[in-house]
Structures are given as C-alpha cells and as structure tokens.
Amino acid sequence: MTLVRLNKPYGMLSQFTDRGTETARATLSDLIDMPGVYPAGRLDRDSEGLLLLTDDGRLQARIADPKFKLPKTYLVQVEGEPGEEALHRLRTGVVLKDGPTLPALAERIDAPELWPRDPPIRYRASIPDCWIRLTIREGRNRQVRRMTAAVDHPTLRLVRWSIGDWSLDGLASGEWRVV
C-alpha cells in the first residue's frame, strides 16, 4: 500500500489529466510520476493544501467517503472580521442550499506562516480580513467557501491543513512525500 501526502498548489486540478478545456491546465501529473496512485477526495482548483493519494481502494474510500466523517481542517482567510455570532453559526451548522451542515469546529487564528500564493490574494485597504481554522466532517462541493459566505465572510484563500491524522506539516507548496 502506498500513501502520498501532497501540498497541492493553487490553480492545479486534483486529477492527473485535463480533458476540460482546450488550454491545458496544471494537473497532478505535473508534480507526481507514480503510476497507480489516485487522489482520495478532491480539492478545488482554487484551493490549496493537503491532498492524499493512494493505490489502496479501501483506504481511498475511507478517506474520501463522508460516511466515515474523517475530520478535515482548513485554514481560511476570510473577508471581514467574523465575530462570535458568525463563529457560533459555523459551530452549530449553517443552512446551505443543499441542507444544513454538521456542526464544525471554528476559531479565529493569527495569520499562519504559509508559502506565498501565486497569484496573491487581492489586498483592499478598506476591507479587513482575518484567518479562521475550520474543521468539518463532511465533504460537500465547495462546502467551506459556502459556509463562510453563509455567515457573510466570503473566503479569500483556502488551505486544507489536515485530513484525519495526516497534515501538511513539513511540505512546501508543490512538494509531496510517501507516508
């Protein structure tokens, strides 16, 4: 069994091929040449951070399938400065178009020491931003972005830091390691 931790860069698809457009987009094959491993779950093109890849179908299902409720922790730069009411709503679950979310762990944090994003987040002097750590146990499409928008704090930058016991610790953007 092989398990790979990858720090997926911004702008990269979480798949090995791109059949979506005439213009080739960055894919996992630009970083990893390891036949037989596949992503356990997805990470949107405009999100960064931990992506696990494996050649073990059972492990892939356990990581990706929401029924196992593996915690996923995100570092999220949001527009504005969420107060206790917004954080409470995230902690108790917010209602999205596809139904209510499960309660999440949510807290404001100091700006983490991360690699620079390319392209950088647009800075606006008139609109403050801050960082929150959000841990969810679901995996709906663009869930974290929709949750922060639902509490009136749109996501500016989204970095998945950990899945279960696996984290980005020690990996720069674009780096990967076999566990």
N, C-alpha and C. Protein backbone atom coordinates (compact mmCIF):
# COMPACT_ATOMS: atom_id res chain seq x y z
N MET A 1 0.84 -1.18 0.00
CA MET A 1 0.00 0.00 0.00
C MET A 1 0.89 1.25 0.00
N THR A 2 0.53 2.19 -0.85
CA THR A 2 1.24 3.45 -0.93
C THR A 2 0.29 4.57 -0.55
N LEU A 3 0.78 5.50 0.28
CA LEU A 3 0.02 6.69 0.62
C LEU A 3 0.96 7.88 0.45
N VAL A 4 0.49 8.88 -0.29
CA VAL A 4 1.29 10.07 -0.59
C VAL A 4 0.58 11.30 -0.03
N ARG A 5 1.36 12.14 0.68
CA ARG A 5 0.87 13.45 1.10
C ARG A 5 1.38 14.47 0.08
N LEU A 6 0.48 15.27 -0.47
CA LEU A 6 0.84 16.29 -1.45
C LEU A 6 0.32 17.64 -0.99
N ASN A 7 1.14 18.68 -1.12
CA ASN A 7 0.69 20.04 -0.89
C ASN A 7 0.32 20.61 -2.25
N LYS A 8 -0.96 20.49 -2.61
CA LYS A 8 -1.43 20.91 -3.93
C LYS A 8 -1.40 22.42 -4.04
N PRO A 9 -0.72 22.94 -5.07
CA PRO A 9 -0.69 24.39 -5.26
C PRO A 9 -2.01 24.95 -5.77
N TYR A 10 -2.19 26.22 -5.58
CA TYR A 10 -3.32 26.96 -6.13
C TYR A 10 -3.30 26.82 -7.66
N GLY A 11 -4.45 26.66 -8.27
CA GLY A 11 -4.55 26.62 -9.72
C GLY A 11 -4.35 25.25 -10.35
N MET A 12 -4.09 24.24 -9.54
CA MET A 12 -3.87 22.89 -10.06
C MET A 12 -5.12 22.05 -9.87
N LEU A 13 -5.45 21.26 -10.89
CA LEU A 13 -6.57 20.33 -10.78
C LEU A 13 -6.14 19.14 -9.93
N SER A 14 -7.07 18.59 -9.16
CA SER A 14 -6.73 17.43 -8.31
C SER A 14 -7.02 16.13 -9.06
N GLN A 15 -6.48 16.05 -10.28
CA GLN A 15 -6.58 14.86 -11.12
C GLN A 15 -5.33 14.82 -12.00
N PHE A 16 -5.10 13.69 -12.66
CA PHE A 16 -3.87 13.52 -13.43
C PHE A 16 -3.97 13.98 -14.88
N THR A 17 -5.19 14.14 -15.40
CA THR A 17 -5.36 14.60 -16.78
C THR A 17 -6.36 15.73 -16.80
N ASP A 18 -6.30 16.52 -17.88
CA ASP A 18 -7.25 17.63 -18.05
C ASP A 18 -7.93 17.48 -19.39
N ARG A 19 -9.19 17.12 -19.33
CA ARG A 19 -9.97 17.00 -20.56
C ARG A 19 -11.02 18.09 -20.65
N GLY A 20 -10.92 19.09 -19.76
CA GLY A 20 -11.99 20.08 -19.66
C GLY A 20 -11.93 21.25 -20.61
N THR A 21 -10.76 21.65 -21.05
CA THR A 21 -10.65 22.84 -21.90
C THR A 21 -9.60 22.62 -22.98
N GLU A 22 -9.59 23.52 -23.94
CA GLU A 22 -8.57 23.45 -24.99
C GLU A 22 -7.21 23.87 -24.45
N THR A 23 -7.20 24.78 -23.47
CA THR A 23 -5.96 25.23 -22.87
C THR A 23 -5.61 24.29 -21.72
N ALA A 24 -4.43 23.71 -21.79
CA ALA A 24 -4.01 22.76 -20.76
C ALA A 24 -3.86 23.47 -19.42
N ARG A 25 -4.42 22.85 -18.38
CA ARG A 25 -4.28 23.37 -17.03
C ARG A 25 -3.35 22.45 -16.25
N ALA A 26 -2.76 22.97 -15.19
CA ALA A 26 -1.85 22.18 -14.35
C ALA A 26 -2.62 21.02 -13.72
N THR A 27 -2.01 19.84 -13.72
CA THR A 27 -2.61 18.66 -13.11
C THR A 27 -1.58 17.98 -12.21
N LEU A 28 -2.02 16.98 -11.48
CA LEU A 28 -1.14 16.24 -10.59
C LEU A 28 0.04 15.62 -11.34
N SER A 29 -0.16 15.27 -12.61
CA SER A 29 0.93 14.66 -13.38
C SER A 29 2.09 15.63 -13.58
N ASP A 30 1.87 16.92 -13.38
CA ASP A 30 2.96 17.89 -13.45
C ASP A 30 3.90 17.77 -12.25
N LEU A 31 3.43 17.15 -11.17
CA LEU A 31 4.23 17.02 -9.95
C LEU A 31 4.63 15.59 -9.62
N ILE A 32 3.74 14.65 -9.89
CA ILE A 32 3.93 13.28 -9.41
C ILE A 32 3.96 12.31 -10.58
N ASP A 33 5.02 11.51 -10.64
CA ASP A 33 5.11 10.44 -11.63
C ASP A 33 5.17 9.12 -10.87
N MET A 34 3.99 8.67 -10.42
CA MET A 34 3.91 7.46 -9.62
C MET A 34 2.67 6.70 -10.08
N PRO A 35 2.83 5.80 -11.04
CA PRO A 35 1.67 5.07 -11.58
C PRO A 35 0.91 4.32 -10.48
N GLY A 36 -0.41 4.31 -10.63
CA GLY A 36 -1.24 3.51 -9.72
C GLY A 36 -1.79 4.22 -8.51
N VAL A 37 -1.34 5.47 -8.24
CA VAL A 37 -1.92 6.20 -7.11
C VAL A 37 -2.97 7.17 -7.63
N TYR A 38 -4.01 7.34 -6.84
CA TYR A 38 -5.12 8.22 -7.22
C TYR A 38 -5.53 9.06 -6.02
N PRO A 39 -6.07 10.26 -6.26
CA PRO A 39 -6.48 11.12 -5.15
C PRO A 39 -7.61 10.49 -4.34
N ALA A 40 -7.49 10.62 -3.03
CA ALA A 40 -8.55 10.20 -2.12
C ALA A 40 -9.33 11.46 -1.78
N GLY A 41 -10.31 11.77 -2.60
CA GLY A 41 -11.06 13.00 -2.44
C GLY A 41 -10.58 14.06 -3.42
N ARG A 42 -11.15 15.25 -3.28
CA ARG A 42 -10.84 16.33 -4.20
C ARG A 42 -10.47 17.58 -3.42
N LEU A 43 -9.82 18.47 -4.13
CA LEU A 43 -9.54 19.80 -3.63
C LEU A 43 -9.67 20.72 -4.83
N ASP A 44 -10.58 21.68 -4.75
CA ASP A 44 -10.86 22.54 -5.89
C ASP A 44 -9.60 23.20 -6.45
N ARG A 45 -9.67 23.56 -7.71
CA ARG A 45 -8.55 24.20 -8.39
C ARG A 45 -8.10 25.47 -7.68
N ASP A 46 -9.04 26.22 -7.12
CA ASP A 46 -8.70 27.48 -6.46
C ASP A 46 -8.46 27.32 -4.96
N SER A 47 -8.28 26.08 -4.52
CA SER A 47 -7.91 25.79 -3.13
C SER A 47 -6.52 25.16 -3.12
N GLU A 48 -5.87 25.26 -1.98
CA GLU A 48 -4.51 24.75 -1.83
C GLU A 48 -4.48 23.76 -0.69
N GLY A 49 -3.37 23.04 -0.60
CA GLY A 49 -3.15 22.25 0.60
C GLY A 49 -3.16 20.77 0.42
N LEU A 50 -3.44 20.07 1.52
CA LEU A 50 -3.26 18.63 1.61
C LEU A 50 -4.21 17.87 0.69
N LEU A 51 -3.58 17.03 -0.13
CA LEU A 51 -4.31 16.06 -0.95
C LEU A 51 -3.61 14.74 -0.71
N LEU A 52 -4.37 13.72 -0.36
CA LEU A 52 -3.81 12.38 -0.15
C LEU A 52 -4.06 11.55 -1.39
N LEU A 53 -3.04 10.79 -1.79
CA LEU A 53 -3.15 9.89 -2.94
C LEU A 53 -2.75 8.50 -2.48
N THR A 54 -3.43 7.49 -3.01
CA THR A 54 -3.14 6.12 -2.60
C THR A 54 -3.42 5.15 -3.73
N ASP A 55 -2.85 3.96 -3.61
CA ASP A 55 -3.13 2.88 -4.55
C ASP A 55 -4.06 1.84 -3.90
N ASP A 56 -4.55 2.13 -2.69
CA ASP A 56 -5.39 1.22 -1.93
C ASP A 56 -6.84 1.71 -2.00
N GLY A 57 -7.69 0.97 -2.70
CA GLY A 57 -9.09 1.37 -2.89
C GLY A 57 -9.87 1.52 -1.59
N ARG A 58 -9.62 0.60 -0.63
CA ARG A 58 -10.33 0.69 0.65
C ARG A 58 -9.94 1.95 1.41
N LEU A 59 -8.63 2.23 1.43
CA LEU A 59 -8.16 3.43 2.12
C LEU A 59 -8.68 4.68 1.41
N GLN A 60 -8.68 4.66 0.11
CA GLN A 60 -9.19 5.79 -0.66
C GLN A 60 -10.66 6.07 -0.28
N ALA A 61 -11.46 5.03 -0.19
CA ALA A 61 -12.87 5.19 0.19
C ALA A 61 -13.00 5.70 1.62
N ARG A 62 -12.18 5.18 2.53
CA ARG A 62 -12.26 5.60 3.94
C ARG A 62 -11.90 7.07 4.09
N ILE A 63 -10.94 7.55 3.32
CA ILE A 63 -10.54 8.96 3.39
C ILE A 63 -11.59 9.85 2.74
N ALA A 64 -12.10 9.44 1.59
CA ALA A 64 -12.96 10.32 0.80
C ALA A 64 -14.45 10.25 1.15
N ASP A 65 -14.92 9.12 1.60
CA ASP A 65 -16.36 8.94 1.81
C ASP A 65 -16.83 9.66 3.06
N PRO A 66 -17.80 10.58 2.91
CA PRO A 66 -18.31 11.33 4.07
C PRO A 66 -18.90 10.45 5.18
N LYS A 67 -19.31 9.23 4.85
CA LYS A 67 -19.91 8.39 5.90
C LYS A 67 -18.91 8.04 7.00
N PHE A 68 -17.60 8.13 6.71
CA PHE A 68 -16.58 7.86 7.72
C PHE A 68 -16.28 9.09 8.58
N LYS A 69 -16.76 10.27 8.13
CA LYS A 69 -16.66 11.53 8.89
C LYS A 69 -15.25 11.82 9.39
N LEU A 70 -14.27 11.60 8.54
CA LEU A 70 -12.88 11.92 8.87
C LEU A 70 -12.74 13.44 8.95
N PRO A 71 -12.22 13.98 10.05
CA PRO A 71 -12.14 15.44 10.16
C PRO A 71 -11.15 16.03 9.16
N LYS A 72 -11.56 17.14 8.56
CA LYS A 72 -10.71 17.88 7.63
C LYS A 72 -10.58 19.30 8.16
N THR A 73 -9.35 19.75 8.37
CA THR A 73 -9.11 21.08 8.93
C THR A 73 -8.57 22.00 7.85
N TYR A 74 -9.17 23.18 7.80
CA TYR A 74 -8.83 24.19 6.81
C TYR A 74 -8.39 25.47 7.50
N LEU A 75 -7.40 26.14 6.91
CA LEU A 75 -7.03 27.49 7.30
C LEU A 75 -7.66 28.38 6.25
N VAL A 76 -8.52 29.29 6.70
CA VAL A 76 -9.34 30.05 5.77
C VAL A 76 -9.16 31.55 6.01
N GLN A 77 -8.68 32.25 4.99
CA GLN A 77 -8.62 33.70 5.05
C GLN A 77 -9.96 34.21 4.54
N VAL A 78 -10.65 34.98 5.38
CA VAL A 78 -11.98 35.47 5.03
C VAL A 78 -12.01 36.98 4.98
N GLU A 79 -12.96 37.47 4.22
CA GLU A 79 -13.18 38.90 4.14
C GLU A 79 -13.91 39.35 5.41
N GLY A 80 -13.47 40.46 5.96
CA GLY A 80 -14.08 40.95 7.19
C GLY A 80 -13.48 40.28 8.41
N GLU A 81 -14.08 40.58 9.55
CA GLU A 81 -13.61 40.02 10.82
C GLU A 81 -14.79 39.36 11.54
N PRO A 82 -14.94 38.05 11.37
CA PRO A 82 -16.08 37.37 11.98
C PRO A 82 -16.06 37.49 13.49
N GLY A 83 -17.20 37.85 14.03
CA GLY A 83 -17.36 37.93 15.48
C GLY A 83 -17.86 36.61 16.03
N GLU A 84 -18.16 36.62 17.30
CA GLU A 84 -18.61 35.40 17.98
C GLU A 84 -19.90 34.85 17.37
N GLU A 85 -20.79 35.74 16.91
CA GLU A 85 -22.05 35.26 16.33
C GLU A 85 -21.80 34.44 15.06
N ALA A 86 -20.93 34.91 14.18
CA ALA A 86 -20.61 34.18 12.94
C ALA A 86 -19.93 32.86 13.27
N LEU A 87 -18.99 32.88 14.20
CA LEU A 87 -18.30 31.64 14.59
C LEU A 87 -19.28 30.66 15.22
N HIS A 88 -20.21 31.16 16.03
CA HIS A 88 -21.22 30.30 16.65
C HIS A 88 -22.07 29.62 15.58
N ARG A 89 -22.44 30.37 14.55
CA ARG A 89 -23.24 29.79 13.46
C ARG A 89 -22.46 28.66 12.77
N LEU A 90 -21.16 28.87 12.55
CA LEU A 90 -20.35 27.81 11.94
C LEU A 90 -20.27 26.60 12.87
N ARG A 91 -20.15 26.85 14.16
CA ARG A 91 -20.03 25.77 15.15
C ARG A 91 -21.30 24.95 15.30
N THR A 92 -22.44 25.58 15.06
CA THR A 92 -23.70 24.86 15.23
C THR A 92 -24.27 24.35 13.91
N GLY A 93 -23.66 24.75 12.80
CA GLY A 93 -24.12 24.33 11.48
C GLY A 93 -24.89 25.44 10.81
N VAL A 94 -24.63 25.63 9.53
CA VAL A 94 -25.33 26.65 8.76
C VAL A 94 -26.18 25.96 7.70
N VAL A 95 -27.22 26.65 7.28
CA VAL A 95 -28.11 26.09 6.26
C VAL A 95 -27.61 26.54 4.89
N LEU A 96 -27.30 25.56 4.03
CA LEU A 96 -26.89 25.81 2.67
C LEU A 96 -28.02 25.37 1.74
N LYS A 97 -27.91 25.64 0.47
CA LYS A 97 -28.97 25.27 -0.47
C LYS A 97 -29.24 23.78 -0.48
N ASP A 98 -28.20 22.97 -0.19
CA ASP A 98 -28.38 21.52 -0.17
C ASP A 98 -28.61 20.97 1.25
N GLY A 99 -29.02 21.86 2.16
CA GLY A 99 -29.36 21.43 3.50
C GLY A 99 -28.38 21.93 4.55
N PRO A 100 -28.70 21.67 5.82
CA PRO A 100 -27.83 22.14 6.91
C PRO A 100 -26.52 21.36 6.97
N THR A 101 -25.47 22.05 7.39
CA THR A 101 -24.18 21.38 7.59
C THR A 101 -24.14 20.80 9.00
N LEU A 102 -23.26 19.86 9.20
CA LEU A 102 -23.00 19.38 10.55
C LEU A 102 -22.25 20.47 11.31
N PRO A 103 -22.31 20.45 12.62
CA PRO A 103 -21.52 21.43 13.39
C PRO A 103 -20.04 21.30 13.05
N ALA A 104 -19.35 22.43 13.07
CA ALA A 104 -17.92 22.47 12.77
C ALA A 104 -17.17 23.04 13.96
N LEU A 105 -15.87 22.79 14.00
CA LEU A 105 -15.01 23.50 14.95
C LEU A 105 -14.56 24.75 14.23
N ALA A 106 -14.70 25.90 14.85
CA ALA A 106 -14.34 27.16 14.20
C ALA A 106 -13.75 28.12 15.22
N GLU A 107 -12.60 28.68 14.87
CA GLU A 107 -11.97 29.68 15.74
C GLU A 107 -11.14 30.64 14.90
N ARG A 108 -11.08 31.89 15.36
CA ARG A 108 -10.18 32.86 14.73
C ARG A 108 -8.76 32.52 15.15
N ILE A 109 -7.83 32.70 14.21
CA ILE A 109 -6.42 32.44 14.49
C ILE A 109 -5.57 33.60 13.94
N ASP A 110 -4.36 33.69 14.44
CA ASP A 110 -3.41 34.63 13.86
C ASP A 110 -3.08 34.17 12.45
N ALA A 111 -2.65 35.09 11.60
CA ALA A 111 -2.28 34.74 10.24
C ALA A 111 -1.19 33.66 10.27
N PRO A 112 -1.44 32.52 9.64
CA PRO A 112 -0.45 31.44 9.66
C PRO A 112 0.74 31.78 8.75
N GLU A 113 1.87 31.15 9.05
CA GLU A 113 3.05 31.32 8.20
C GLU A 113 2.95 30.32 7.06
N LEU A 114 2.47 30.79 5.92
CA LEU A 114 2.29 29.95 4.75
C LEU A 114 3.17 30.45 3.61
N TRP A 115 3.33 29.62 2.61
CA TRP A 115 4.02 29.99 1.39
C TRP A 115 3.21 31.09 0.69
N PRO A 116 3.86 31.93 -0.10
CA PRO A 116 3.10 32.94 -0.85
C PRO A 116 2.23 32.27 -1.91
N ARG A 117 1.05 32.80 -2.10
CA ARG A 117 0.17 32.25 -3.14
C ARG A 117 0.45 32.98 -4.45
N ASP A 118 0.40 32.22 -5.55
CA ASP A 118 0.59 32.80 -6.87
C ASP A 118 -0.63 32.48 -7.71
N PRO A 119 -1.44 33.48 -8.07
CA PRO A 119 -1.28 34.90 -7.78
C PRO A 119 -1.70 35.22 -6.34
N PRO A 120 -1.18 36.33 -5.81
CA PRO A 120 -1.53 36.68 -4.43
C PRO A 120 -3.00 37.09 -4.30
N ILE A 121 -3.49 37.03 -3.08
CA ILE A 121 -4.84 37.50 -2.77
C ILE A 121 -4.86 39.00 -2.98
N ARG A 122 -5.93 39.47 -3.57
CA ARG A 122 -6.06 40.92 -3.78
C ARG A 122 -6.24 41.62 -2.45
N TYR A 123 -5.37 42.57 -2.18
CA TYR A 123 -5.44 43.33 -0.93
C TYR A 123 -6.30 44.56 -1.14
N ARG A 124 -7.23 44.81 -0.21
CA ARG A 124 -8.05 46.02 -0.27
C ARG A 124 -7.97 46.72 1.08
N ALA A 125 -7.40 47.92 1.06
CA ALA A 125 -7.16 48.66 2.30
C ALA A 125 -8.45 48.95 3.06
N SER A 126 -9.56 49.10 2.36
CA SER A 126 -10.81 49.48 3.02
C SER A 126 -11.57 48.28 3.60
N ILE A 127 -11.15 47.06 3.27
CA ILE A 127 -11.86 45.88 3.76
C ILE A 127 -10.88 44.98 4.51
N PRO A 128 -11.07 44.85 5.82
CA PRO A 128 -10.16 43.98 6.59
C PRO A 128 -10.39 42.51 6.26
N ASP A 129 -9.43 41.70 6.63
CA ASP A 129 -9.60 40.25 6.51
C ASP A 129 -8.98 39.60 7.74
N CYS A 130 -9.28 38.35 7.94
CA CYS A 130 -8.66 37.60 9.03
C CYS A 130 -8.68 36.13 8.68
N TRP A 131 -8.08 35.32 9.55
CA TRP A 131 -7.98 33.88 9.34
C TRP A 131 -8.80 33.14 10.38
N ILE A 132 -9.42 32.06 9.95
CA ILE A 132 -10.09 31.14 10.87
C ILE A 132 -9.60 29.73 10.59
N ARG A 133 -9.64 28.90 11.62
CA ARG A 133 -9.39 27.46 11.46
C ARG A 133 -10.75 26.80 11.55
N LEU A 134 -11.08 26.03 10.51
CA LEU A 134 -12.39 25.40 10.43
C LEU A 134 -12.20 23.90 10.20
N THR A 135 -12.81 23.10 11.08
CA THR A 135 -12.73 21.65 10.93
C THR A 135 -14.13 21.12 10.68
N ILE A 136 -14.27 20.39 9.57
CA ILE A 136 -15.57 19.82 9.20
C ILE A 136 -15.43 18.30 9.08
N ARG A 137 -16.57 17.62 9.10
CA ARG A 137 -16.58 16.16 8.98
C ARG A 137 -17.46 15.72 7.81
N GLU A 138 -17.63 16.61 6.86
CA GLU A 138 -18.37 16.32 5.64
C GLU A 138 -17.45 16.63 4.47
N GLY A 139 -17.96 16.54 3.28
CA GLY A 139 -17.14 16.87 2.12
C GLY A 139 -17.99 17.30 0.95
N ARG A 140 -18.91 18.21 1.18
CA ARG A 140 -19.75 18.67 0.09
C ARG A 140 -18.96 19.57 -0.86
N ASN A 141 -19.48 19.71 -2.06
CA ASN A 141 -18.84 20.55 -3.06
C ASN A 141 -18.70 21.99 -2.55
N ARG A 142 -17.46 22.48 -2.53
CA ARG A 142 -17.13 23.85 -2.13
C ARG A 142 -17.75 24.23 -0.78
N GLN A 143 -17.84 23.26 0.12
CA GLN A 143 -18.54 23.44 1.39
C GLN A 143 -17.98 24.57 2.24
N VAL A 144 -16.67 24.61 2.45
CA VAL A 144 -16.10 25.64 3.32
C VAL A 144 -16.39 27.02 2.75
N ARG A 145 -16.21 27.21 1.47
CA ARG A 145 -16.49 28.50 0.84
C ARG A 145 -17.96 28.90 1.02
N ARG A 146 -18.85 27.92 0.85
CA ARG A 146 -20.28 28.21 1.01
C ARG A 146 -20.63 28.51 2.47
N MET A 147 -19.95 27.84 3.40
CA MET A 147 -20.22 28.08 4.82
C MET A 147 -19.79 29.49 5.23
N THR A 148 -18.59 29.90 4.82
CA THR A 148 -18.13 31.24 5.22
C THR A 148 -18.98 32.32 4.55
N ALA A 149 -19.41 32.07 3.31
CA ALA A 149 -20.30 33.03 2.64
C ALA A 149 -21.64 33.12 3.36
N ALA A 150 -22.13 32.00 3.88
CA ALA A 150 -23.42 31.97 4.58
C ALA A 150 -23.40 32.80 5.86
N VAL A 151 -22.21 33.00 6.43
CA VAL A 151 -22.11 33.83 7.63
C VAL A 151 -21.53 35.21 7.28
N ASP A 152 -21.64 35.57 5.99
CA ASP A 152 -21.27 36.91 5.49
C ASP A 152 -19.77 37.22 5.56
N HIS A 153 -18.95 36.19 5.42
CA HIS A 153 -17.49 36.37 5.39
C HIS A 153 -16.91 35.50 4.27
N PRO A 154 -16.98 35.99 3.03
CA PRO A 154 -16.52 35.19 1.90
C PRO A 154 -15.05 34.78 2.03
N THR A 155 -14.75 33.60 1.53
CA THR A 155 -13.39 33.07 1.55
C THR A 155 -12.52 33.78 0.52
N LEU A 156 -11.34 34.19 0.97
CA LEU A 156 -10.34 34.78 0.08
C LEU A 156 -9.27 33.75 -0.29
N ARG A 157 -8.85 32.97 0.69
CA ARG A 157 -7.83 31.94 0.48
C ARG A 157 -8.21 30.73 1.32
N LEU A 158 -8.07 29.54 0.74
CA LEU A 158 -8.46 28.32 1.41
C LEU A 158 -7.33 27.29 1.31
N VAL A 159 -6.84 26.87 2.48
CA VAL A 159 -5.75 25.90 2.56
C VAL A 159 -6.20 24.74 3.44
N ARG A 160 -6.28 23.54 2.83
CA ARG A 160 -6.60 22.37 3.67
C ARG A 160 -5.31 21.96 4.38
N TRP A 161 -5.36 21.99 5.71
CA TRP A 161 -4.17 21.71 6.50
C TRP A 161 -4.06 20.23 6.86
N SER A 162 -5.19 19.59 7.17
CA SER A 162 -5.10 18.19 7.58
C SER A 162 -6.36 17.42 7.23
N ILE A 163 -6.16 16.10 7.13
CA ILE A 163 -7.24 15.13 6.95
C ILE A 163 -6.95 14.03 7.96
N GLY A 164 -7.83 13.88 8.94
CA GLY A 164 -7.57 12.90 9.99
C GLY A 164 -6.24 13.21 10.67
N ASP A 165 -5.35 12.22 10.75
CA ASP A 165 -4.05 12.40 11.39
C ASP A 165 -2.96 12.89 10.44
N TRP A 166 -3.27 13.00 9.15
CA TRP A 166 -2.28 13.44 8.17
C TRP A 166 -2.36 14.95 8.00
N SER A 167 -1.19 15.60 7.92
CA SER A 167 -1.18 17.06 7.77
C SER A 167 -0.14 17.50 6.76
N LEU A 168 -0.15 18.79 6.49
CA LEU A 168 0.81 19.41 5.58
C LEU A 168 2.16 19.64 6.23
N ASP A 169 2.25 19.40 7.50
CA ASP A 169 3.46 19.73 8.25
C ASP A 169 4.72 19.29 7.50
N GLY A 170 5.61 20.25 7.23
CA GLY A 170 6.88 19.96 6.57
C GLY A 170 6.85 19.94 5.06
N LEU A 171 5.70 20.23 4.44
CA LEU A 171 5.60 20.22 2.98
C LEU A 171 5.40 21.63 2.43
N ALA A 172 6.28 22.05 1.54
CA ALA A 172 6.10 23.33 0.85
C ALA A 172 5.11 23.12 -0.29
N SER A 173 4.60 24.20 -0.84
CA SER A 173 3.67 24.11 -1.96
C SER A 173 4.31 23.35 -3.11
N GLY A 174 3.59 22.34 -3.61
CA GLY A 174 4.09 21.53 -4.72
C GLY A 174 4.92 20.33 -4.29
N GLU A 175 5.26 20.22 -3.00
CA GLU A 175 6.04 19.08 -2.52
C GLU A 175 5.13 17.92 -2.15
N TRP A 176 5.69 16.72 -2.22
CA TRP A 176 4.97 15.51 -1.83
C TRP A 176 5.92 14.53 -1.19
N ARG A 177 5.36 13.67 -0.34
CA ARG A 177 6.15 12.63 0.33
C ARG A 177 5.30 11.38 0.48
N VAL A 178 5.94 10.25 0.36
CA VAL A 178 5.29 8.97 0.65
C VAL A 178 5.28 8.81 2.17
N VAL A 179 4.11 8.46 2.70
CA VAL A 179 3.96 8.28 4.15
C VAL A 179 4.55 6.95 4.55
